[in-house]
N, C-alpha and C. Protein backbone atom coordinates (compact mmCIF):
# COMPACT_ATOMS: atom_id res chain seq x y z
N MET A 1 18.93 -70.77 -5.45
CA MET A 1 18.28 -70.18 -4.27
C MET A 1 18.74 -68.74 -4.08
N ALA A 2 20.04 -68.51 -4.27
CA ALA A 2 20.57 -67.15 -4.14
C ALA A 2 20.03 -66.25 -5.21
N GLN A 3 19.85 -66.82 -6.42
CA GLN A 3 19.29 -66.01 -7.51
C GLN A 3 17.87 -65.59 -7.22
N GLU A 4 17.08 -66.50 -6.62
CA GLU A 4 15.70 -66.15 -6.29
C GLU A 4 15.66 -65.05 -5.23
N ALA A 5 16.56 -65.16 -4.24
CA ALA A 5 16.59 -64.13 -3.19
C ALA A 5 16.97 -62.79 -3.77
N LEU A 6 17.94 -62.82 -4.70
CA LEU A 6 18.35 -61.57 -5.33
C LEU A 6 17.23 -60.98 -6.15
N HIS A 7 16.47 -61.84 -6.83
CA HIS A 7 15.33 -61.38 -7.63
C HIS A 7 14.27 -60.74 -6.74
N ASP A 8 13.98 -61.36 -5.58
CA ASP A 8 13.00 -60.81 -4.65
C ASP A 8 13.45 -59.47 -4.11
N THR A 9 14.75 -59.35 -3.83
CA THR A 9 15.28 -58.08 -3.30
C THR A 9 15.11 -56.97 -4.31
N ASN A 10 15.32 -57.25 -5.58
CA ASN A 10 15.14 -56.25 -6.63
C ASN A 10 13.71 -55.80 -6.75
N LEU A 11 12.78 -56.68 -6.44
CA LEU A 11 11.37 -56.30 -6.48
C LEU A 11 11.03 -55.35 -5.36
N VAL A 12 11.66 -55.52 -4.22
CA VAL A 12 11.34 -54.71 -3.06
C VAL A 12 12.06 -53.38 -3.10
N ALA A 13 13.36 -53.39 -3.40
CA ALA A 13 14.16 -52.16 -3.35
C ALA A 13 14.29 -51.58 -4.73
N PRO A 14 13.90 -50.32 -4.98
CA PRO A 14 14.03 -49.70 -6.28
C PRO A 14 15.49 -49.40 -6.56
N VAL A 15 15.77 -49.20 -7.82
CA VAL A 15 17.11 -48.84 -8.24
C VAL A 15 17.47 -47.50 -7.64
N ALA A 16 18.72 -47.36 -7.18
CA ALA A 16 19.17 -46.12 -6.55
C ALA A 16 18.95 -44.95 -7.48
N GLY A 17 18.40 -43.82 -6.92
CA GLY A 17 18.19 -42.61 -7.72
C GLY A 17 16.83 -42.56 -8.35
N THR A 18 15.98 -43.58 -8.17
CA THR A 18 14.62 -43.56 -8.73
C THR A 18 13.62 -43.51 -7.60
N ILE A 19 12.41 -43.02 -7.90
CA ILE A 19 11.33 -42.92 -6.92
C ILE A 19 10.13 -43.64 -7.47
N PRO A 20 9.55 -44.57 -6.72
CA PRO A 20 8.35 -45.26 -7.19
C PRO A 20 7.26 -44.28 -7.53
N HIS A 21 6.36 -44.68 -8.44
CA HIS A 21 5.28 -43.80 -8.89
C HIS A 21 4.40 -43.37 -7.74
N GLU A 22 4.10 -44.34 -6.82
CA GLU A 22 3.22 -44.00 -5.70
C GLU A 22 3.88 -42.98 -4.78
N ALA A 23 5.20 -43.13 -4.53
CA ALA A 23 5.91 -42.21 -3.65
C ALA A 23 5.98 -40.82 -4.27
N ALA A 24 6.22 -40.78 -5.59
CA ALA A 24 6.29 -39.49 -6.27
C ALA A 24 4.95 -38.79 -6.20
N HIS A 25 3.88 -39.56 -6.41
CA HIS A 25 2.55 -38.97 -6.34
C HIS A 25 2.27 -38.43 -4.95
N SER A 26 2.69 -39.19 -3.91
CA SER A 26 2.48 -38.76 -2.53
C SER A 26 3.27 -37.50 -2.23
N ALA A 27 4.51 -37.44 -2.71
CA ALA A 27 5.34 -36.25 -2.47
C ALA A 27 4.75 -35.04 -3.15
N HIS A 28 4.22 -35.26 -4.38
CA HIS A 28 3.61 -34.14 -5.10
C HIS A 28 2.38 -33.63 -4.36
N ALA A 29 1.57 -34.58 -3.89
CA ALA A 29 0.36 -34.18 -3.16
C ALA A 29 0.73 -33.45 -1.88
N SER A 30 1.78 -33.95 -1.21
CA SER A 30 2.22 -33.29 0.02
C SER A 30 2.70 -31.88 -0.26
N GLY A 31 3.40 -31.68 -1.38
CA GLY A 31 3.87 -30.35 -1.75
C GLY A 31 2.72 -29.40 -1.98
N VAL A 32 1.66 -29.87 -2.61
CA VAL A 32 0.49 -29.03 -2.85
C VAL A 32 -0.15 -28.64 -1.53
N ASP A 33 -0.22 -29.62 -0.61
CA ASP A 33 -0.83 -29.33 0.68
C ASP A 33 -0.03 -28.27 1.43
N HIS A 34 1.30 -28.39 1.40
CA HIS A 34 2.12 -27.41 2.10
C HIS A 34 1.96 -26.04 1.47
N ALA A 35 1.85 -25.97 0.15
CA ALA A 35 1.66 -24.68 -0.51
C ALA A 35 0.35 -24.06 -0.09
N ALA A 36 -0.69 -24.93 -0.04
CA ALA A 36 -2.00 -24.42 0.35
C ALA A 36 -1.98 -23.91 1.78
N ILE A 37 -1.26 -24.67 2.66
CA ILE A 37 -1.16 -24.24 4.05
C ILE A 37 -0.43 -22.91 4.14
N GLY A 38 0.61 -22.71 3.30
CA GLY A 38 1.34 -21.46 3.30
C GLY A 38 0.46 -20.29 2.92
N VAL A 39 -0.38 -20.46 1.92
CA VAL A 39 -1.29 -19.40 1.52
C VAL A 39 -2.27 -19.08 2.63
N ASP A 40 -2.82 -20.13 3.25
CA ASP A 40 -3.76 -19.93 4.34
C ASP A 40 -3.09 -19.20 5.51
N ASN A 41 -1.83 -19.52 5.76
CA ASN A 41 -1.11 -18.88 6.85
C ASN A 41 -0.95 -17.38 6.62
N ARG A 42 -0.76 -16.98 5.37
CA ARG A 42 -0.65 -15.55 5.08
C ARG A 42 -1.95 -14.84 5.42
N LYS A 43 -3.05 -15.43 5.05
CA LYS A 43 -4.34 -14.80 5.33
C LYS A 43 -4.64 -14.83 6.83
N THR A 44 -4.29 -15.93 7.49
CA THR A 44 -4.49 -16.01 8.93
C THR A 44 -3.64 -14.96 9.64
N GLY A 45 -2.42 -14.76 9.14
CA GLY A 45 -1.53 -13.78 9.74
C GLY A 45 -2.10 -12.37 9.69
N ILE A 46 -2.65 -11.98 8.54
CA ILE A 46 -3.21 -10.63 8.43
C ILE A 46 -4.44 -10.48 9.32
N TRP A 47 -5.23 -11.56 9.47
CA TRP A 47 -6.40 -11.49 10.34
C TRP A 47 -5.98 -11.33 11.80
N LEU A 48 -4.94 -12.04 12.21
CA LEU A 48 -4.46 -11.90 13.59
C LEU A 48 -3.92 -10.50 13.84
N PHE A 49 -3.25 -9.94 12.84
CA PHE A 49 -2.75 -8.58 12.96
C PHE A 49 -3.90 -7.59 13.12
N LEU A 50 -4.96 -7.78 12.32
CA LEU A 50 -6.11 -6.87 12.39
C LEU A 50 -6.82 -6.98 13.73
N VAL A 51 -6.89 -8.19 14.28
CA VAL A 51 -7.52 -8.37 15.59
C VAL A 51 -6.73 -7.61 16.66
N SER A 52 -5.40 -7.66 16.58
CA SER A 52 -4.59 -6.92 17.54
C SER A 52 -4.80 -5.42 17.39
N GLU A 53 -5.00 -4.95 16.16
CA GLU A 53 -5.25 -3.54 15.94
C GLU A 53 -6.62 -3.12 16.49
N VAL A 54 -7.58 -4.01 16.42
CA VAL A 54 -8.90 -3.72 16.99
C VAL A 54 -8.79 -3.46 18.49
N MET A 55 -7.92 -4.20 19.15
CA MET A 55 -7.72 -4.00 20.59
C MET A 55 -7.17 -2.61 20.88
N PHE A 56 -6.20 -2.17 20.08
CA PHE A 56 -5.64 -0.83 20.26
C PHE A 56 -6.72 0.24 20.06
N PHE A 57 -7.48 0.11 18.99
CA PHE A 57 -8.53 1.08 18.70
C PHE A 57 -9.59 1.09 19.79
N THR A 58 -9.92 -0.08 20.33
CA THR A 58 -10.93 -0.15 21.39
C THR A 58 -10.50 0.64 22.62
N VAL A 59 -9.24 0.51 23.00
CA VAL A 59 -8.72 1.25 24.15
C VAL A 59 -8.76 2.75 23.90
N LEU A 60 -8.35 3.17 22.70
CA LEU A 60 -8.34 4.60 22.38
C LEU A 60 -9.75 5.18 22.31
N ILE A 61 -10.69 4.41 21.77
CA ILE A 61 -12.08 4.87 21.72
C ILE A 61 -12.64 5.02 23.12
N ALA A 62 -12.36 4.06 23.98
CA ALA A 62 -12.84 4.13 25.37
C ALA A 62 -12.28 5.37 26.08
N ALA A 63 -11.01 5.66 25.84
CA ALA A 63 -10.39 6.84 26.45
C ALA A 63 -11.03 8.12 25.94
N ASN A 64 -11.33 8.16 24.65
CA ASN A 64 -11.96 9.35 24.08
C ASN A 64 -13.37 9.55 24.62
N MET A 65 -14.12 8.47 24.78
CA MET A 65 -15.48 8.58 25.31
C MET A 65 -15.45 9.03 26.77
N LEU A 66 -14.45 8.56 27.52
CA LEU A 66 -14.32 9.00 28.91
C LEU A 66 -14.00 10.49 28.99
N ALA A 67 -13.13 10.95 28.08
CA ALA A 67 -12.78 12.37 28.05
C ALA A 67 -13.99 13.22 27.71
N ARG A 68 -14.82 12.78 26.80
CA ARG A 68 -16.01 13.53 26.42
C ARG A 68 -17.04 13.52 27.54
N TRP A 69 -17.10 12.45 28.28
CA TRP A 69 -18.04 12.38 29.40
C TRP A 69 -17.66 13.37 30.49
N ARG A 70 -16.36 13.54 30.70
CA ARG A 70 -15.88 14.47 31.72
C ARG A 70 -15.95 15.92 31.26
N ASN A 71 -15.70 16.15 29.96
CA ASN A 71 -15.70 17.52 29.46
C ASN A 71 -16.23 17.52 28.02
N PRO A 72 -17.55 17.65 27.83
CA PRO A 72 -18.15 17.54 26.50
C PRO A 72 -17.98 18.77 25.61
N GLU A 73 -17.58 19.89 26.15
CA GLU A 73 -17.55 21.13 25.37
C GLU A 73 -16.62 21.10 24.16
N PRO A 74 -15.39 20.60 24.25
CA PRO A 74 -14.50 20.63 23.08
C PRO A 74 -15.05 19.88 21.87
N HIS A 75 -15.91 18.91 22.09
CA HIS A 75 -16.47 18.12 21.00
C HIS A 75 -17.28 18.99 20.03
N GLU A 76 -17.79 20.10 20.52
CA GLU A 76 -18.67 20.93 19.70
C GLU A 76 -17.94 21.65 18.57
N ILE A 77 -16.62 21.77 18.62
CA ILE A 77 -15.90 22.49 17.56
C ILE A 77 -15.50 21.58 16.40
N LEU A 78 -15.80 20.30 16.48
CA LEU A 78 -15.46 19.39 15.39
C LEU A 78 -16.27 19.73 14.15
N ASN A 79 -15.62 19.69 13.00
CA ASN A 79 -16.25 20.02 11.72
C ASN A 79 -16.88 18.76 11.13
N ILE A 80 -18.14 18.53 11.45
CA ILE A 80 -18.81 17.31 11.01
C ILE A 80 -19.04 17.29 9.49
N PRO A 81 -19.48 18.39 8.85
CA PRO A 81 -19.66 18.35 7.38
C PRO A 81 -18.38 18.01 6.63
N LEU A 82 -17.26 18.60 7.04
CA LEU A 82 -15.98 18.30 6.38
C LEU A 82 -15.60 16.84 6.57
N THR A 83 -15.81 16.34 7.77
CA THR A 83 -15.47 14.94 8.06
C THR A 83 -16.41 13.99 7.32
N ALA A 84 -17.66 14.40 7.14
CA ALA A 84 -18.60 13.57 6.37
C ALA A 84 -18.13 13.42 4.93
N VAL A 85 -17.65 14.52 4.35
CA VAL A 85 -17.10 14.46 2.99
C VAL A 85 -15.89 13.54 2.95
N ASN A 86 -15.04 13.65 3.96
CA ASN A 86 -13.85 12.81 4.01
C ASN A 86 -14.21 11.34 4.17
N THR A 87 -15.27 11.08 4.92
CA THR A 87 -15.74 9.70 5.08
C THR A 87 -16.21 9.13 3.74
N PHE A 88 -16.91 9.95 2.97
CA PHE A 88 -17.36 9.53 1.65
C PHE A 88 -16.17 9.22 0.74
N VAL A 89 -15.13 10.03 0.85
CA VAL A 89 -13.91 9.81 0.05
C VAL A 89 -13.30 8.45 0.37
N LEU A 90 -13.19 8.13 1.67
CA LEU A 90 -12.58 6.87 2.05
C LEU A 90 -13.45 5.68 1.67
N LEU A 91 -14.75 5.81 1.80
CA LEU A 91 -15.65 4.73 1.39
C LEU A 91 -15.57 4.49 -0.12
N THR A 92 -15.43 5.57 -0.89
CA THR A 92 -15.29 5.43 -2.33
C THR A 92 -14.02 4.69 -2.68
N SER A 93 -12.96 4.95 -1.93
CA SER A 93 -11.70 4.25 -2.18
C SER A 93 -11.84 2.75 -1.93
N SER A 94 -12.65 2.38 -0.96
CA SER A 94 -12.90 0.96 -0.71
C SER A 94 -13.64 0.32 -1.89
N PHE A 95 -14.57 1.08 -2.47
CA PHE A 95 -15.31 0.59 -3.63
C PHE A 95 -14.38 0.38 -4.83
N THR A 96 -13.45 1.30 -5.03
CA THR A 96 -12.53 1.16 -6.17
C THR A 96 -11.55 0.00 -5.96
N VAL A 97 -11.23 -0.29 -4.71
CA VAL A 97 -10.39 -1.46 -4.44
C VAL A 97 -11.12 -2.75 -4.83
N VAL A 98 -12.41 -2.80 -4.51
CA VAL A 98 -13.22 -3.96 -4.90
C VAL A 98 -13.26 -4.09 -6.43
N ARG A 99 -13.43 -2.97 -7.11
CA ARG A 99 -13.46 -2.99 -8.58
C ARG A 99 -12.11 -3.42 -9.15
N ALA A 100 -11.04 -3.01 -8.52
CA ALA A 100 -9.71 -3.41 -8.98
C ALA A 100 -9.53 -4.92 -8.86
N PHE A 101 -9.94 -5.48 -7.74
CA PHE A 101 -9.82 -6.92 -7.54
C PHE A 101 -10.68 -7.69 -8.52
N SER A 102 -11.90 -7.19 -8.74
CA SER A 102 -12.80 -7.84 -9.70
C SER A 102 -12.23 -7.79 -11.11
N ALA A 103 -11.63 -6.66 -11.48
CA ALA A 103 -11.02 -6.53 -12.81
C ALA A 103 -9.86 -7.50 -12.98
N LEU A 104 -9.07 -7.69 -11.92
CA LEU A 104 -7.95 -8.62 -11.99
C LEU A 104 -8.45 -10.05 -12.20
N GLN A 105 -9.51 -10.41 -11.51
CA GLN A 105 -10.07 -11.75 -11.68
C GLN A 105 -10.57 -11.98 -13.10
N LYS A 106 -11.00 -10.90 -13.76
CA LYS A 106 -11.47 -11.00 -15.15
C LYS A 106 -10.35 -10.77 -16.15
N ASN A 107 -9.12 -10.64 -15.64
CA ASN A 107 -7.93 -10.42 -16.47
C ASN A 107 -8.01 -9.12 -17.25
N ASN A 108 -8.69 -8.13 -16.69
CA ASN A 108 -8.76 -6.80 -17.29
C ASN A 108 -7.71 -5.92 -16.59
N ARG A 109 -6.48 -5.98 -17.07
CA ARG A 109 -5.37 -5.32 -16.40
C ARG A 109 -5.52 -3.79 -16.40
N THR A 110 -6.06 -3.23 -17.48
CA THR A 110 -6.22 -1.78 -17.55
C THR A 110 -7.16 -1.28 -16.46
N SER A 111 -8.31 -1.93 -16.31
CA SER A 111 -9.26 -1.54 -15.27
C SER A 111 -8.69 -1.80 -13.88
N PHE A 112 -7.95 -2.87 -13.74
CA PHE A 112 -7.31 -3.19 -12.47
C PHE A 112 -6.38 -2.07 -12.03
N LEU A 113 -5.49 -1.66 -12.90
CA LEU A 113 -4.52 -0.61 -12.57
C LEU A 113 -5.21 0.74 -12.37
N ARG A 114 -6.22 1.03 -13.19
CA ARG A 114 -6.91 2.31 -13.09
C ARG A 114 -7.61 2.45 -11.73
N ASN A 115 -8.32 1.41 -11.32
CA ASN A 115 -9.04 1.47 -10.05
C ASN A 115 -8.09 1.45 -8.86
N LEU A 116 -6.99 0.74 -8.99
CA LEU A 116 -6.01 0.72 -7.91
C LEU A 116 -5.36 2.09 -7.76
N PHE A 117 -5.07 2.72 -8.88
CA PHE A 117 -4.48 4.07 -8.84
C PHE A 117 -5.47 5.07 -8.24
N LEU A 118 -6.74 4.94 -8.61
CA LEU A 118 -7.76 5.82 -8.06
C LEU A 118 -7.91 5.63 -6.56
N SER A 119 -7.77 4.40 -6.09
CA SER A 119 -7.83 4.13 -4.65
C SER A 119 -6.70 4.84 -3.93
N MET A 120 -5.51 4.83 -4.52
CA MET A 120 -4.37 5.53 -3.93
C MET A 120 -4.64 7.03 -3.84
N ILE A 121 -5.18 7.61 -4.92
CA ILE A 121 -5.45 9.05 -4.95
C ILE A 121 -6.50 9.43 -3.90
N LEU A 122 -7.53 8.61 -3.77
CA LEU A 122 -8.57 8.87 -2.77
C LEU A 122 -8.00 8.76 -1.35
N GLY A 123 -7.11 7.80 -1.13
CA GLY A 123 -6.47 7.67 0.17
C GLY A 123 -5.64 8.90 0.51
N ILE A 124 -4.89 9.39 -0.47
CA ILE A 124 -4.09 10.60 -0.27
C ILE A 124 -5.00 11.80 0.00
N THR A 125 -6.13 11.86 -0.70
CA THR A 125 -7.09 12.93 -0.48
C THR A 125 -7.63 12.91 0.95
N PHE A 126 -7.92 11.71 1.44
CA PHE A 126 -8.43 11.57 2.81
C PHE A 126 -7.42 12.11 3.82
N VAL A 127 -6.16 11.72 3.67
CA VAL A 127 -5.12 12.17 4.60
C VAL A 127 -4.94 13.69 4.51
N SER A 128 -5.04 14.23 3.29
CA SER A 128 -4.89 15.68 3.11
C SER A 128 -6.01 16.45 3.79
N ILE A 129 -7.25 15.98 3.64
CA ILE A 129 -8.38 16.64 4.29
C ILE A 129 -8.26 16.55 5.80
N GLN A 130 -7.77 15.42 6.29
CA GLN A 130 -7.59 15.27 7.73
C GLN A 130 -6.52 16.25 8.23
N ALA A 131 -5.48 16.47 7.45
CA ALA A 131 -4.46 17.45 7.83
C ALA A 131 -5.05 18.86 7.90
N ILE A 132 -5.95 19.17 6.95
CA ILE A 132 -6.63 20.47 6.97
C ILE A 132 -7.48 20.59 8.23
N GLU A 133 -8.18 19.52 8.58
CA GLU A 133 -9.00 19.53 9.79
C GLU A 133 -8.13 19.76 11.03
N TYR A 134 -7.00 19.10 11.10
CA TYR A 134 -6.10 19.28 12.23
C TYR A 134 -5.65 20.74 12.34
N HIS A 135 -5.34 21.34 11.21
CA HIS A 135 -4.90 22.73 11.20
C HIS A 135 -6.01 23.65 11.70
N ASN A 136 -7.23 23.42 11.22
CA ASN A 136 -8.36 24.26 11.64
C ASN A 136 -8.64 24.11 13.14
N LEU A 137 -8.54 22.88 13.64
CA LEU A 137 -8.79 22.66 15.07
C LEU A 137 -7.72 23.31 15.93
N SER A 138 -6.48 23.27 15.46
CA SER A 138 -5.40 23.87 16.25
C SER A 138 -5.55 25.38 16.33
N THR A 139 -6.05 26.00 15.23
CA THR A 139 -6.26 27.45 15.27
C THR A 139 -7.41 27.83 16.20
N GLU A 140 -8.32 26.89 16.46
CA GLU A 140 -9.43 27.13 17.37
C GLU A 140 -9.10 26.72 18.81
N GLY A 141 -7.88 26.27 19.03
CA GLY A 141 -7.45 25.98 20.39
C GLY A 141 -7.43 24.52 20.79
N LEU A 142 -7.87 23.62 19.89
CA LEU A 142 -7.87 22.20 20.23
C LEU A 142 -6.57 21.58 19.70
N THR A 143 -5.67 21.26 20.61
CA THR A 143 -4.40 20.65 20.24
C THR A 143 -4.21 19.36 21.05
N LEU A 144 -3.10 18.70 20.78
CA LEU A 144 -2.82 17.45 21.46
C LEU A 144 -2.64 17.64 22.96
N SER A 145 -2.14 18.81 23.35
CA SER A 145 -1.87 19.07 24.76
C SER A 145 -2.87 20.03 25.41
N ALA A 146 -3.94 20.34 24.68
CA ALA A 146 -4.91 21.32 25.21
C ALA A 146 -5.67 20.76 26.41
N ASN A 147 -6.17 19.56 26.29
CA ASN A 147 -6.93 18.92 27.36
C ASN A 147 -7.00 17.42 27.08
N LEU A 148 -7.71 16.70 27.94
CA LEU A 148 -7.80 15.25 27.79
C LEU A 148 -8.51 14.86 26.50
N PHE A 149 -9.56 15.64 26.15
CA PHE A 149 -10.26 15.33 24.91
C PHE A 149 -9.34 15.52 23.70
N GLY A 150 -8.57 16.60 23.69
CA GLY A 150 -7.65 16.84 22.58
C GLY A 150 -6.61 15.74 22.47
N SER A 151 -6.10 15.28 23.60
CA SER A 151 -5.09 14.21 23.59
C SER A 151 -5.66 12.92 23.01
N THR A 152 -6.85 12.54 23.47
CA THR A 152 -7.44 11.28 23.00
C THR A 152 -7.93 11.41 21.56
N PHE A 153 -8.44 12.59 21.18
CA PHE A 153 -8.93 12.79 19.82
C PHE A 153 -7.81 12.67 18.80
N PHE A 154 -6.72 13.39 19.04
CA PHE A 154 -5.60 13.35 18.09
C PHE A 154 -4.88 12.01 18.11
N ALA A 155 -4.82 11.38 19.28
CA ALA A 155 -4.20 10.05 19.35
C ALA A 155 -5.02 9.03 18.56
N LEU A 156 -6.34 9.09 18.71
CA LEU A 156 -7.22 8.13 18.04
C LEU A 156 -7.25 8.34 16.53
N THR A 157 -7.55 9.57 16.11
CA THR A 157 -7.63 9.84 14.67
C THR A 157 -6.25 9.79 14.01
N GLY A 158 -5.22 10.19 14.76
CA GLY A 158 -3.87 10.10 14.22
C GLY A 158 -3.41 8.67 14.04
N PHE A 159 -3.79 7.81 14.99
CA PHE A 159 -3.46 6.38 14.88
C PHE A 159 -4.12 5.79 13.64
N HIS A 160 -5.37 6.17 13.42
CA HIS A 160 -6.06 5.70 12.22
C HIS A 160 -5.42 6.28 10.97
N GLY A 161 -5.07 7.58 11.00
CA GLY A 161 -4.43 8.19 9.85
C GLY A 161 -3.12 7.51 9.48
N THR A 162 -2.38 7.06 10.50
CA THR A 162 -1.15 6.32 10.24
C THR A 162 -1.44 5.03 9.50
N HIS A 163 -2.53 4.37 9.87
CA HIS A 163 -2.93 3.14 9.17
C HIS A 163 -3.30 3.43 7.72
N VAL A 164 -3.95 4.57 7.49
CA VAL A 164 -4.29 4.94 6.11
C VAL A 164 -3.01 5.16 5.29
N ILE A 165 -2.03 5.83 5.87
CA ILE A 165 -0.77 6.06 5.16
C ILE A 165 -0.07 4.73 4.84
N ILE A 166 -0.08 3.81 5.80
CA ILE A 166 0.49 2.48 5.55
C ILE A 166 -0.27 1.80 4.42
N GLY A 167 -1.61 1.94 4.42
CA GLY A 167 -2.41 1.35 3.35
C GLY A 167 -2.10 1.96 2.00
N ILE A 168 -1.86 3.26 1.96
CA ILE A 168 -1.51 3.92 0.70
C ILE A 168 -0.18 3.37 0.17
N ILE A 169 0.79 3.20 1.07
CA ILE A 169 2.08 2.63 0.67
C ILE A 169 1.90 1.21 0.14
N TRP A 170 1.06 0.44 0.82
CA TRP A 170 0.80 -0.94 0.40
C TRP A 170 0.13 -0.96 -0.98
N LEU A 171 -0.86 -0.11 -1.17
CA LEU A 171 -1.52 -0.05 -2.47
C LEU A 171 -0.55 0.40 -3.57
N THR A 172 0.34 1.32 -3.23
CA THR A 172 1.32 1.80 -4.20
C THR A 172 2.25 0.67 -4.63
N ARG A 173 2.74 -0.10 -3.67
CA ARG A 173 3.60 -1.24 -4.00
C ARG A 173 2.84 -2.27 -4.84
N THR A 174 1.57 -2.47 -4.51
CA THR A 174 0.75 -3.41 -5.29
C THR A 174 0.56 -2.89 -6.70
N PHE A 175 0.33 -1.59 -6.85
CA PHE A 175 0.17 -0.99 -8.18
C PHE A 175 1.44 -1.15 -9.00
N ILE A 176 2.58 -0.88 -8.41
CA ILE A 176 3.86 -0.98 -9.13
C ILE A 176 4.09 -2.42 -9.58
N LYS A 177 3.82 -3.37 -8.70
CA LYS A 177 3.99 -4.77 -9.07
C LYS A 177 3.04 -5.16 -10.20
N GLY A 178 1.79 -4.69 -10.11
CA GLY A 178 0.82 -4.99 -11.17
C GLY A 178 1.20 -4.32 -12.47
N PHE A 179 1.72 -3.10 -12.39
CA PHE A 179 2.14 -2.37 -13.60
C PHE A 179 3.29 -3.08 -14.29
N ASN A 180 4.13 -3.74 -13.52
CA ASN A 180 5.28 -4.46 -14.08
C ASN A 180 4.95 -5.89 -14.47
N GLY A 181 3.67 -6.22 -14.50
CA GLY A 181 3.26 -7.54 -14.98
C GLY A 181 2.94 -8.54 -13.89
N GLY A 182 3.03 -8.12 -12.64
CA GLY A 182 2.70 -9.04 -11.56
C GLY A 182 1.20 -9.25 -11.44
N PHE A 183 0.83 -10.32 -10.78
CA PHE A 183 -0.56 -10.71 -10.54
C PHE A 183 -1.25 -11.21 -11.83
N SER A 184 -2.22 -12.03 -11.63
CA SER A 184 -3.00 -12.62 -12.73
C SER A 184 -4.29 -13.16 -12.13
N PRO A 185 -5.23 -13.61 -12.96
CA PRO A 185 -6.47 -14.16 -12.41
C PRO A 185 -6.24 -15.36 -11.48
N THR A 186 -5.10 -16.03 -11.63
CA THR A 186 -4.79 -17.17 -10.76
C THR A 186 -3.78 -16.80 -9.67
N ASP A 187 -3.34 -15.55 -9.63
CA ASP A 187 -2.38 -15.09 -8.62
C ASP A 187 -2.86 -13.74 -8.10
N THR A 188 -3.81 -13.77 -7.18
CA THR A 188 -4.43 -12.54 -6.68
C THR A 188 -4.19 -12.30 -5.20
N TRP A 189 -3.37 -13.15 -4.57
CA TRP A 189 -3.23 -13.07 -3.12
C TRP A 189 -2.70 -11.72 -2.65
N GLY A 190 -1.72 -11.18 -3.35
CA GLY A 190 -1.17 -9.89 -2.95
C GLY A 190 -2.20 -8.79 -2.96
N VAL A 191 -3.06 -8.79 -3.97
CA VAL A 191 -4.12 -7.79 -4.08
C VAL A 191 -5.19 -8.03 -3.02
N GLU A 192 -5.51 -9.29 -2.78
CA GLU A 192 -6.55 -9.61 -1.81
C GLU A 192 -6.14 -9.20 -0.40
N LEU A 193 -4.89 -9.44 -0.03
CA LEU A 193 -4.42 -9.07 1.31
C LEU A 193 -4.38 -7.55 1.48
N ALA A 194 -3.93 -6.84 0.44
CA ALA A 194 -3.91 -5.38 0.50
C ALA A 194 -5.34 -4.84 0.62
N GLY A 195 -6.26 -5.44 -0.13
CA GLY A 195 -7.66 -5.02 -0.07
C GLY A 195 -8.27 -5.31 1.29
N LEU A 196 -7.92 -6.43 1.89
CA LEU A 196 -8.44 -6.78 3.21
C LEU A 196 -8.01 -5.74 4.24
N TYR A 197 -6.77 -5.34 4.19
CA TYR A 197 -6.27 -4.31 5.11
C TYR A 197 -6.99 -2.98 4.87
N TRP A 198 -7.16 -2.62 3.60
CA TRP A 198 -7.80 -1.34 3.28
C TRP A 198 -9.25 -1.30 3.74
N HIS A 199 -9.96 -2.41 3.58
CA HIS A 199 -11.36 -2.46 4.04
C HIS A 199 -11.42 -2.34 5.56
N PHE A 200 -10.45 -2.92 6.24
CA PHE A 200 -10.40 -2.79 7.71
C PHE A 200 -10.25 -1.33 8.11
N VAL A 201 -9.36 -0.62 7.42
CA VAL A 201 -9.16 0.80 7.70
C VAL A 201 -10.45 1.59 7.48
N ASP A 202 -11.18 1.25 6.43
CA ASP A 202 -12.45 1.94 6.14
C ASP A 202 -13.50 1.67 7.21
N ILE A 203 -13.62 0.41 7.61
CA ILE A 203 -14.62 0.04 8.62
C ILE A 203 -14.34 0.74 9.95
N VAL A 204 -13.06 0.77 10.32
CA VAL A 204 -12.69 1.45 11.57
C VAL A 204 -13.06 2.92 11.51
N TRP A 205 -12.84 3.55 10.33
CA TRP A 205 -13.15 4.97 10.24
C TRP A 205 -14.65 5.23 10.35
N ILE A 206 -15.46 4.35 9.81
CA ILE A 206 -16.92 4.51 9.95
C ILE A 206 -17.31 4.52 11.42
N LEU A 207 -16.72 3.58 12.18
CA LEU A 207 -17.00 3.54 13.62
C LEU A 207 -16.52 4.81 14.32
N LEU A 208 -15.34 5.30 13.94
CA LEU A 208 -14.81 6.52 14.54
C LEU A 208 -15.69 7.72 14.21
N PHE A 209 -16.13 7.78 12.97
CA PHE A 209 -16.97 8.91 12.56
C PHE A 209 -18.26 8.95 13.37
N VAL A 210 -18.87 7.79 13.57
CA VAL A 210 -20.12 7.71 14.33
C VAL A 210 -19.88 8.01 15.81
N ILE A 211 -18.86 7.37 16.40
CA ILE A 211 -18.65 7.49 17.84
C ILE A 211 -18.03 8.83 18.22
N VAL A 212 -17.01 9.26 17.49
CA VAL A 212 -16.27 10.46 17.87
C VAL A 212 -16.97 11.74 17.40
N TYR A 213 -17.54 11.72 16.19
CA TYR A 213 -18.09 12.96 15.63
C TYR A 213 -19.61 13.11 15.82
N LEU A 214 -20.35 12.02 15.67
CA LEU A 214 -21.80 12.13 15.63
C LEU A 214 -22.47 11.95 16.99
N ILE A 215 -21.95 11.05 17.81
CA ILE A 215 -22.61 10.77 19.10
C ILE A 215 -22.27 11.86 20.11
């Protein structure tokens, strides 16, 4: 009787240090789920960050529109042709980011790095042209402390310019990692998140160009 009980106990309790096949399979599946949730959380995090940035930009745009409504004259000295060229530069950089991501998915590392590097150069060009615009406006009397329009204009475009600089740094880090062998067709999250941020910066600038310069 004792032998039968011992035999039954062995059937129920596995040997110490071993894991039943079903439990191992469940643990493996659970690990995959947690990994997938972690990836999703990274993307959710960047989206929440971008939503918070939209709120900041909305407040600054509203302030700028109020300043123009009260005193529309300073708006007339803005260099729209130069800014239009700069807008084209930034939009082109967004296109090259898309090409870089597509090349990575096709495992074309040379095209991936080339387009990513070109995106960085275009971003630097955008910031440089904006610096030239700031210099020209200051010589014409429009400064941060000149009037309400100047304060809101430089705060709004400067806030966006800061985001572009952050994006350039992000793209540079992504390029260095890719140059050193990082990323692959099955590991694109770092590039995708950097691209998502860069596209956000481009979209915001299109809105700023229309609202601040054209309207």
